Amino acid sequence: MTVNSSPAVAANAEGEEIEVLETTDINPVAPEDQWKSLFDQYDPDNSGFISTERFRDLLATHGSELDPHKLEVLLALTNGNADGKICYQDFVNLRRSPDSLKQMSNKRSNSFRRAILQGSRQLRGCSLRDEVGLGLSQRLVRHVAYETLPREVDRKWYFDSYTYCPPPWLILTITIAEVVVFMYYGFQLDRLVLQVSSPSFLKSPLPYHPQLRAQAWRYLSYIFMHTGIEHLGLNMAMQLLVGVPLEMVHGALRIGLVYMCGVLAGSLAVSVTDMTAPVVGSSGGVYALVSAHLANVVMNWSGMKCQFKLFRMAMALVCMSVEFGRAVWLRFYPPAFPPCPNPSFVAHLGGVLVGLTLGVVVLQNYEQRLQQQTLFWIFFCVYTLFVLCAVFWNVFAYSLLDVRLPPPP
C-alpha cells in the first residue's frame, strides 16, 4: 500500500480530537500490516476493536478508496452493530481483494449486502430481540442465537440464514444410541440402577478395559455404556441442553470435532493416569462441550444476552459437580466384583481440558474457518502430540512399569 501522509487532527462523532493520516493514494490490496497501522490510529489501546463512531470516521476518511460493494457492507456492519464496536478482522477480511465478496466464504458479509439490496431488515438501531410476530420455530432460532452468540451482528446473520437444513442430527443421534444401548443392557442384565455392579457389565464389547486396550474402538465406543440410569440421565440432560443449541449454530462438523476429541482424550487420560480402571459413559465428550460453552460465556460476558445467565451457569456447574462427585465416589467405593475397580472419573477431566483449549477456539470465532485460526492449530497440534504420547504409553509403559491389571471381563 502506498500512503503519503502528514499528521492531521480530526473530530469524530463524539467530538474527540484524534490524529489521522491524510492519504493521497491507498491501494485496497496493500500489505495487511499497513492497513493495521491505519486501523490502529483509531484504536490507541490496541484492543482490536474501535467504536462504531470512530469506524464511521475511518470510512468517511478512507472509504472512497475501497470497493463500493465492500464499503456498502462495512456501513451495514457499522449500522447493525448493537455492541458499539467493530472488530479489526471484519474490516481486513472485506478489503483483501476487489472480488472478495464473490470469492471469500464470509457469509455474514454477503448476508448484510443481501439485507441492504433486498430491504429485508432495517439494521440501524434494530435488535433481534425486538422482532415481533415470529412463529415457534423462529422464536427457537432467536433463543438459540442469544444463548450461544455474543455479538448482535452474528445473531442477526444466524437468525436470517438458519433453515433447519440439516437439523441438529449429530447430538440427537448419539443420545438416542446411548439410550438404546442402555435399555438393551438394562433388560439383559436385569438392572437399571447402578448397572456397573452387574458381573456381566464389562463383558460388553463397548467399554474401555485396560486388559483390552489393544482393541482401539473401545477408546470411543465406551460412551454408549453408563454405570446406571442416574449416570445416563445427567449426561443426557447436559448433552441435549448444551450440545443441540451449539450444533444448531456451529454445525455438526465443529461440534462433532470437539465432542469426539473430548471422548478420546478422556479414555487416553485414564489409560495414562488411572491405568487399572475401566471407562464408561459419555462424560468426556459432554464435559468438553459444556466447559467450552461456559468458558465462551465468561469470556464474552458483556455481550452474552441470554436470560438468567448467572443462575444458569451456576446450575450447570452444580450438575457437573454432582456428576463428577458421584464418579469420584464410585471409583473409590469398594467394587462389587474385585479385583476389577469401578470405572474411572479421569475422563471427565480430559473432556474439560479439551473444552477449555480446543473447544473454546472452535466456538469463539463464529464463521471464521478453522484452518484460518492460528490458535486452533496450536491447540490441535498439542492435542495430537498428547494422543501420540498416550499411544506409545499404552504400548510400552504397562510392561515397563509391571502394572498389575485386573483380569479381562
Protein backbone atom coordinates (compact mmCIF):
# COMPACT_ATOMS: atom_id res chain seq x y z
CA MET A 1 0.00 0.00 0.00
CA THR A 2 1.26 3.46 -0.82
CA VAL A 3 0.42 6.07 1.78
CA ASN A 4 1.52 9.70 1.53
CA SER A 5 0.74 11.11 4.92
CA SER A 6 1.15 14.05 7.23
CA PRO A 7 -0.23 14.49 10.74
CA ALA A 8 -3.72 15.91 10.88
CA VAL A 9 -6.38 16.32 13.52
CA ALA A 10 -9.98 15.37 13.01
CA ALA A 11 -13.00 15.26 15.27
CA ASN A 12 -15.02 12.09 15.46
CA ALA A 13 -18.74 11.72 16.14
CA GLU A 14 -18.10 12.03 19.87
CA GLY A 15 -16.38 15.38 19.50
CA GLU A 16 -12.98 13.93 20.40
CA GLU A 17 -9.88 15.02 18.53
CA ILE A 18 -7.90 12.16 17.02
CA GLU A 19 -4.81 12.15 14.84
CA VAL A 20 -5.33 10.63 11.40
CA LEU A 21 -3.29 10.30 8.22
CA GLU A 22 -4.09 12.39 5.21
CA THR A 23 -3.81 9.80 2.46
CA THR A 24 -3.41 10.57 -1.19
CA ASP A 25 -3.01 7.07 -2.55
CA ILE A 26 -4.35 3.89 -0.97
CA ASN A 27 -4.21 0.54 -2.67
CA PRO A 28 -7.01 -1.72 -1.39
CA VAL A 29 -4.90 -4.84 -1.87
CA ALA A 30 -1.93 -3.45 0.04
CA PRO A 31 0.03 -5.36 2.73
CA GLU A 32 -2.05 -6.13 5.77
CA ASP A 33 0.37 -4.61 8.28
CA GLN A 34 -0.05 -1.16 6.71
CA TRP A 35 -3.82 -1.48 6.90
CA LYS A 36 -3.36 -2.48 10.52
CA SER A 37 -1.37 0.69 11.22
CA LEU A 38 -4.20 2.71 9.69
CA PHE A 39 -6.76 0.93 11.85
CA ASP A 40 -4.56 1.32 14.95
CA GLN A 41 -4.78 5.10 14.75
CA TYR A 42 -8.41 4.74 15.77
CA ASP A 43 -7.54 2.04 18.32
CA PRO A 44 -4.91 3.59 20.64
CA ASP A 45 -5.42 0.82 23.22
CA ASN A 46 -4.59 -1.93 20.67
CA SER A 47 -7.72 -3.83 21.68
CA GLY A 48 -8.51 -5.00 18.15
CA PHE A 49 -11.80 -3.08 18.29
CA ILE A 50 -12.82 0.51 17.65
CA SER A 51 -16.12 2.19 18.40
CA THR A 52 -18.70 2.36 15.64
CA GLU A 53 -18.42 6.15 15.70
CA ARG A 54 -14.68 6.03 15.06
CA PHE A 55 -15.21 3.36 12.43
CA ARG A 56 -17.57 5.71 10.58
CA ASP A 57 -14.86 8.38 10.76
CA LEU A 58 -12.39 5.92 9.23
CA LEU A 59 -14.78 5.08 6.42
CA ALA A 60 -15.52 8.75 5.81
CA THR A 61 -11.79 9.45 5.50
CA HIS A 62 -10.68 6.41 3.51
CA GLY A 63 -13.88 4.80 2.23
CA SER A 64 -13.59 6.30 -1.24
CA GLU A 65 -10.55 4.10 -1.84
CA LEU A 66 -12.46 0.89 -1.11
CA ASP A 67 -14.56 -1.19 -3.47
CA PRO A 68 -18.11 0.30 -3.42
CA HIS A 69 -19.68 -3.05 -2.57
CA LYS A 70 -17.28 -3.55 0.34
CA LEU A 71 -17.96 -0.06 1.58
CA GLU A 72 -21.68 -0.82 1.42
CA VAL A 73 -21.22 -3.94 3.55
CA LEU A 74 -18.96 -2.17 6.04
CA LEU A 75 -21.53 0.57 6.51
CA ALA A 76 -24.20 -2.05 7.09
CA LEU A 77 -21.93 -3.78 9.59
CA THR A 78 -21.49 -0.48 11.41
CA ASN A 79 -25.18 0.42 11.41
CA GLY A 80 -26.27 -3.03 12.53
CA ASN A 81 -23.78 -3.47 15.37
CA ALA A 82 -25.55 -3.20 18.70
CA ASP A 83 -22.35 -3.76 20.71
CA GLY A 84 -20.94 -0.35 19.77
CA LYS A 85 -17.61 -1.65 18.47
CA ILE A 86 -16.10 -3.12 15.30
CA CYS A 87 -13.55 -5.93 15.12
CA TYR A 88 -10.42 -5.40 13.03
CA GLN A 89 -10.81 -8.82 11.44
CA ASP A 90 -14.19 -7.84 9.93
CA PHE A 91 -12.50 -4.83 8.37
CA VAL A 92 -9.47 -6.64 6.99
CA ASN A 93 -11.49 -9.57 5.58
CA LEU A 94 -13.51 -7.25 3.39
CA ARG A 95 -10.65 -5.36 1.76
CA ARG A 96 -8.40 -8.27 0.76
CA SER A 97 -9.26 -8.32 -2.94
CA PRO A 98 -11.59 -6.47 -5.31
CA ASP A 99 -13.67 -9.63 -5.79
CA SER A 100 -13.71 -10.74 -2.18
CA LEU A 101 -17.48 -10.54 -1.88
CA LYS A 102 -17.73 -13.16 -4.61
CA GLN A 103 -14.80 -15.31 -3.53
CA MET A 104 -14.48 -15.32 0.23
CA SER A 105 -16.51 -17.59 2.44
CA ASN A 106 -17.57 -14.92 4.93
CA LYS A 107 -21.32 -15.50 4.77
CA ARG A 108 -22.01 -12.71 7.21
CA SER A 109 -20.75 -10.12 4.73
CA ASN A 110 -22.97 -11.50 1.99
CA SER A 111 -25.95 -11.51 4.32
CA PHE A 112 -25.53 -7.84 5.11
CA ARG A 113 -25.26 -6.98 1.44
CA ARG A 114 -28.38 -9.05 0.78
CA ALA A 115 -30.17 -7.25 3.61
CA ILE A 116 -29.36 -3.91 2.03
CA LEU A 117 -30.27 -4.86 -1.54
CA GLN A 118 -33.49 -6.67 -0.66
CA GLY A 119 -34.53 -4.40 2.17
CA SER A 120 -35.36 -7.41 4.31
CA ARG A 121 -34.20 -5.82 7.56
CA GLN A 122 -33.77 -2.31 8.89
CA LEU A 123 -30.38 -2.76 10.50
CA ARG A 124 -29.91 0.62 12.13
CA GLY A 125 -30.89 0.51 15.79
CA CYS A 126 -32.73 -2.78 15.37
CA SER A 127 -32.27 -5.53 17.95
CA LEU A 128 -33.18 -9.10 17.13
CA ARG A 129 -34.95 -9.35 20.47
CA ASP A 130 -37.39 -6.62 19.31
CA GLU A 131 -38.72 -8.77 16.47
CA VAL A 132 -42.48 -9.41 16.75
CA GLY A 133 -44.88 -11.80 15.05
CA LEU A 134 -42.43 -14.71 14.96
CA GLY A 135 -43.51 -18.32 14.70
CA LEU A 136 -42.47 -21.02 17.12
CA SER A 137 -39.51 -22.18 15.03
CA GLN A 138 -38.29 -18.60 14.56
CA ARG A 139 -38.51 -17.91 18.28
CA LEU A 140 -36.47 -21.06 18.89
CA VAL A 141 -33.78 -19.89 16.48
CA ARG A 142 -33.72 -16.46 18.13
CA HIS A 143 -33.45 -18.10 21.55
CA VAL A 144 -30.53 -20.25 20.38
CA ALA A 145 -28.80 -17.19 18.90
CA TYR A 146 -28.94 -15.36 22.23
CA GLU A 147 -27.84 -18.49 24.09
CA THR A 148 -24.65 -19.04 22.13
CA LEU A 149 -23.52 -15.89 20.29
CA PRO A 150 -22.07 -12.79 21.99
CA ARG A 151 -22.41 -10.26 19.14
CA GLU A 152 -25.65 -8.83 17.80
CA VAL A 153 -24.26 -8.79 14.26
CA ASP A 154 -23.67 -12.57 14.47
CA ARG A 155 -27.06 -13.18 16.00
CA LYS A 156 -28.80 -11.29 13.18
CA TRP A 157 -26.92 -13.17 10.49
CA TYR A 158 -27.65 -16.51 12.12
CA PHE A 159 -31.35 -15.68 12.53
CA ASP A 160 -31.63 -14.64 8.86
CA SER A 161 -29.77 -17.61 7.43
CA TYR A 162 -30.68 -20.64 9.59
CA THR A 163 -33.05 -23.04 7.80
CA TYR A 164 -33.07 -26.24 9.95
CA CYS A 165 -31.44 -27.97 6.98
CA PRO A 166 -29.63 -30.00 8.07
CA PRO A 167 -31.21 -30.33 11.53
CA PRO A 168 -29.01 -30.86 14.61
CA TRP A 169 -28.76 -34.59 13.94
CA LEU A 170 -25.39 -35.47 15.48
CA ILE A 171 -26.06 -34.90 19.18
CA LEU A 172 -29.59 -36.30 18.85
CA THR A 173 -28.27 -39.44 17.13
CA ILE A 174 -25.60 -40.01 19.78
CA THR A 175 -28.13 -39.51 22.58
CA ILE A 176 -30.67 -41.90 21.05
CA ALA A 177 -27.96 -44.52 20.52
CA GLU A 178 -26.89 -44.18 24.17
CA VAL A 179 -30.47 -44.67 25.36
CA VAL A 180 -31.00 -47.70 23.10
CA VAL A 181 -27.77 -49.38 24.26
CA PHE A 182 -28.57 -48.64 27.90
CA MET A 183 -32.06 -50.09 27.64
CA TYR A 184 -30.73 -53.18 25.84
CA TYR A 185 -28.21 -53.92 28.60
CA GLY A 186 -30.72 -52.90 31.25
CA PHE A 187 -33.06 -55.69 30.18
CA GLN A 188 -30.22 -58.12 29.51
CA LEU A 189 -28.62 -57.57 32.93
CA ASP A 190 -31.99 -57.04 34.63
CA ARG A 191 -30.60 -53.90 36.21
CA LEU A 192 -31.10 -50.17 35.54
CA VAL A 193 -29.75 -48.51 38.70
CA LEU A 194 -26.00 -48.93 39.33
CA GLN A 195 -25.76 -51.18 36.31
CA VAL A 196 -21.98 -51.39 36.72
CA SER A 197 -22.41 -53.69 39.73
CA SER A 198 -23.59 -56.50 37.46
CA PRO A 199 -20.88 -59.18 36.94
CA SER A 200 -21.62 -59.16 33.20
CA PHE A 201 -21.47 -55.38 32.73
CA LEU A 202 -17.90 -55.19 31.44
CA LYS A 203 -18.31 -58.22 29.16
CA SER A 204 -19.81 -55.97 26.52
CA PRO A 205 -17.53 -55.13 23.56
CA LEU A 206 -18.14 -51.40 24.19
CA PRO A 207 -16.45 -50.31 27.49
CA TYR A 208 -12.78 -49.47 27.70
CA HIS A 209 -10.94 -52.05 29.79
CA PRO A 210 -7.17 -51.88 30.46
CA GLN A 211 -6.70 -55.56 29.60
CA LEU A 212 -8.37 -54.97 26.23
CA ARG A 213 -6.71 -51.64 25.38
CA ALA A 214 -5.36 -53.08 22.11
CA GLN A 215 -8.95 -53.05 20.80
CA ALA A 216 -8.80 -49.48 19.53
CA TRP A 217 -12.55 -48.95 19.09
CA ARG A 218 -13.05 -49.13 22.86
CA TYR A 219 -11.39 -45.71 23.25
CA LEU A 220 -14.50 -44.25 21.58
CA SER A 221 -17.27 -46.84 21.98
CA TYR A 222 -17.26 -46.61 25.78
CA ILE A 223 -19.56 -43.55 25.55
CA PHE A 224 -22.55 -45.85 24.88
CA MET A 225 -22.23 -47.65 28.23
CA HIS A 226 -23.26 -45.98 31.50
CA THR A 227 -22.97 -47.04 35.12
CA GLY A 228 -26.70 -46.60 35.70
CA ILE A 229 -29.79 -44.64 34.79
CA GLU A 230 -28.70 -41.76 37.04
CA HIS A 231 -25.41 -41.51 35.14
CA LEU A 232 -27.17 -41.62 31.79
CA GLY A 233 -29.78 -39.06 32.87
CA LEU A 234 -27.29 -36.39 33.91
CA ASN A 235 -25.19 -36.85 30.80
CA MET A 236 -28.25 -36.74 28.55
CA ALA A 237 -29.54 -33.56 30.16
CA MET A 238 -26.27 -31.67 29.70
CA GLN A 239 -25.69 -33.15 26.26
CA LEU A 240 -29.08 -32.07 24.91
CA LEU A 241 -29.37 -28.70 26.66
CA VAL A 242 -25.90 -27.57 25.58
CA GLY A 243 -24.96 -29.73 22.61
CA VAL A 244 -28.08 -29.26 20.46
CA PRO A 245 -28.02 -25.41 20.51
CA LEU A 246 -24.28 -25.42 19.84
CA GLU A 247 -24.75 -27.76 16.89
CA MET A 248 -27.55 -25.58 15.51
CA VAL A 249 -25.17 -22.61 15.47
CA HIS A 250 -21.75 -24.11 14.73
CA GLY A 251 -22.73 -27.20 12.75
CA ALA A 252 -22.19 -30.92 13.22
CA LEU A 253 -18.59 -30.86 11.98
CA ARG A 254 -17.29 -28.43 14.59
CA ILE A 255 -19.33 -29.78 17.47
CA GLY A 256 -18.51 -33.36 16.47
CA LEU A 257 -14.81 -32.46 16.46
CA VAL A 258 -14.95 -31.04 20.00
CA TYR A 259 -17.12 -33.90 21.26
CA MET A 260 -15.02 -36.73 19.83
CA CYS A 261 -11.74 -35.07 20.86
CA GLY A 262 -13.13 -34.92 24.40
CA VAL A 263 -14.17 -38.59 24.24
CA LEU A 264 -10.77 -39.75 23.00
CA ALA A 265 -8.89 -37.52 25.45
CA GLY A 266 -10.98 -38.96 28.28
CA SER A 267 -10.15 -42.60 27.64
CA LEU A 268 -6.49 -41.88 26.88
CA ALA A 269 -6.16 -39.81 30.06
CA VAL A 270 -7.49 -42.77 32.06
CA SER A 271 -5.07 -45.15 30.35
CA VAL A 272 -2.17 -42.88 31.35
CA THR A 273 -3.14 -41.77 34.87
CA ASP A 274 -5.54 -44.44 36.18
CA MET A 275 -4.07 -47.45 34.45
CA THR A 276 -6.05 -50.24 36.11
CA ALA A 277 -9.54 -48.77 35.76
CA PRO A 278 -12.15 -49.25 33.01
CA VAL A 279 -14.08 -46.35 31.47
CA VAL A 280 -17.77 -45.96 30.62
CA GLY A 281 -20.06 -43.01 29.94
CA SER A 282 -20.12 -40.03 27.58
CA SER A 283 -18.80 -37.58 30.17
CA GLY A 284 -15.60 -36.87 28.23
CA GLY A 285 -17.49 -35.50 25.24
CA VAL A 286 -20.23 -33.85 27.32
CA TYR A 287 -17.76 -32.05 29.56
CA ALA A 288 -15.80 -30.85 26.53
CA LEU A 289 -18.91 -29.17 25.10
CA VAL A 290 -20.19 -27.77 28.40
CA SER A 291 -16.82 -26.40 29.55
CA ALA A 292 -16.19 -24.81 26.14
CA HIS A 293 -19.62 -23.16 26.20
CA LEU A 294 -19.26 -21.92 29.78
CA ALA A 295 -15.79 -20.54 29.07
CA ASN A 296 -17.13 -18.78 25.98
CA VAL A 297 -19.90 -17.20 28.06
CA VAL A 298 -17.44 -15.99 30.69
CA MET A 299 -15.01 -14.60 28.10
CA ASN A 300 -17.84 -12.69 26.38
CA TRP A 301 -19.88 -11.92 29.49
CA SER A 302 -20.98 -8.41 28.50
CA GLY A 303 -22.03 -9.49 25.02
CA MET A 304 -23.99 -12.59 26.03
CA LYS A 305 -27.66 -11.65 26.30
CA CYS A 306 -29.10 -15.00 27.45
CA GLN A 307 -31.60 -14.65 30.28
CA PHE A 308 -30.56 -15.52 33.83
CA LYS A 309 -27.06 -16.36 32.61
CA LEU A 310 -25.51 -16.24 36.09
CA PHE A 311 -28.15 -18.58 37.53
CA ARG A 312 -27.91 -20.93 34.59
CA MET A 313 -24.13 -21.05 34.77
CA ALA A 314 -24.39 -21.86 38.45
CA MET A 315 -26.88 -24.66 37.74
CA ALA A 316 -24.63 -26.09 35.01
CA LEU A 317 -21.67 -26.08 37.38
CA VAL A 318 -23.79 -27.74 40.09
CA CYS A 319 -24.86 -30.51 37.67
CA MET A 320 -21.28 -31.05 36.55
CA SER A 321 -20.06 -31.12 40.14
CA VAL A 322 -22.74 -33.61 41.22
CA GLU A 323 -21.99 -35.93 38.31
CA PHE A 324 -18.23 -35.64 38.83
CA GLY A 325 -18.55 -36.14 42.60
CA ARG A 326 -20.63 -39.25 42.00
CA ALA A 327 -17.97 -40.59 39.63
CA VAL A 328 -15.21 -39.98 42.21
CA TRP A 329 -17.23 -41.68 44.94
CA LEU A 330 -17.96 -44.66 42.71
CA ARG A 331 -14.32 -45.02 41.70
CA PHE A 332 -13.12 -45.44 45.29
CA TYR A 333 -16.19 -47.29 46.54
CA PRO A 334 -15.36 -51.00 47.08
CA PRO A 335 -16.13 -52.77 43.80
CA ALA A 336 -18.79 -55.43 43.79
CA PHE A 337 -16.51 -57.82 41.92
CA PRO A 338 -12.83 -57.34 42.86
CA PRO A 339 -10.10 -57.22 41.77
CA CYS A 340 -11.57 -55.08 38.94
CA PRO A 341 -12.06 -51.49 40.19
CA ASN A 342 -15.06 -49.33 39.36
CA PRO A 343 -14.89 -47.03 36.29
CA SER A 344 -12.54 -44.06 36.43
CA PHE A 345 -13.51 -40.39 36.76
CA VAL A 346 -10.42 -39.06 34.95
CA ALA A 347 -12.31 -39.00 31.62
CA HIS A 348 -14.26 -36.01 32.95
CA LEU A 349 -11.03 -34.06 33.45
CA GLY A 350 -9.79 -34.95 29.98
CA GLY A 351 -13.01 -33.60 28.49
CA VAL A 352 -12.74 -30.35 30.47
CA LEU A 353 -9.17 -29.76 29.25
CA VAL A 354 -10.25 -30.26 25.64
CA GLY A 355 -13.20 -27.90 26.12
CA LEU A 356 -11.08 -25.14 27.68
CA THR A 357 -8.50 -25.27 24.88
CA LEU A 358 -9.63 -26.65 21.55
CA GLY A 359 -13.33 -26.17 22.29
CA VAL A 360 -13.07 -22.50 23.19
CA VAL A 361 -11.25 -21.70 19.96
CA VAL A 362 -13.80 -23.60 17.87
CA LEU A 363 -16.76 -21.80 19.48
CA GLN A 364 -15.24 -18.36 19.89
CA ASN A 365 -14.62 -17.38 16.28
CA TYR A 366 -18.03 -17.75 14.72
CA GLU A 367 -17.94 -18.23 10.92
CA GLN A 368 -14.16 -17.99 10.62
CA ARG A 369 -12.72 -21.12 9.06
CA LEU A 370 -10.85 -23.32 11.48
CA GLN A 371 -7.87 -23.59 9.16
CA GLN A 372 -7.50 -19.81 9.31
CA GLN A 373 -7.16 -19.75 13.11
CA THR A 374 -3.58 -19.90 14.39
CA LEU A 375 -4.65 -20.71 17.94
CA PHE A 376 -6.72 -23.63 16.68
CA TRP A 377 -3.69 -25.19 15.02
CA ILE A 378 -1.57 -24.67 18.13
CA PHE A 379 -4.09 -26.48 20.35
CA PHE A 380 -4.74 -29.12 17.70
CA CYS A 381 -1.01 -29.88 17.43
CA VAL A 382 -0.73 -30.09 21.23
CA TYR A 383 -3.73 -32.42 21.29
CA THR A 384 -2.22 -34.60 18.53
CA LEU A 385 1.06 -34.77 20.44
CA PHE A 386 -0.83 -35.88 23.55
CA VAL A 387 -2.60 -38.63 21.58
CA LEU A 388 0.67 -39.91 20.14
CA CYS A 389 2.36 -39.90 23.54
CA ALA A 390 -0.62 -41.74 25.06
CA VAL A 391 -0.49 -44.36 22.32
CA PHE A 392 3.22 -45.04 23.00
CA TRP A 393 2.45 -45.11 26.72
CA ASN A 394 -0.18 -47.78 26.17
CA VAL A 395 2.17 -49.84 24.04
CA PHE A 396 5.25 -49.75 26.32
CA ALA A 397 4.53 -48.35 29.79
CA TYR A 398 2.33 -51.14 31.16
CA SER A 399 5.03 -53.76 30.69
CA LEU A 400 7.90 -51.48 31.71
CA LEU A 401 6.15 -50.45 34.92
CA ASP A 402 4.92 -54.01 35.54
CA VAL A 403 1.41 -52.78 36.22
CA ARG A 404 -0.88 -55.40 37.77
CA LEU A 405 -4.05 -55.28 35.73
CA PRO A 406 -7.41 -56.79 36.68
CA PRO A 407 -8.36 -59.93 34.77
CA PRO A 408 -10.21 -59.46 31.50
CA PRO A 409 -14.01 -59.45 31.83
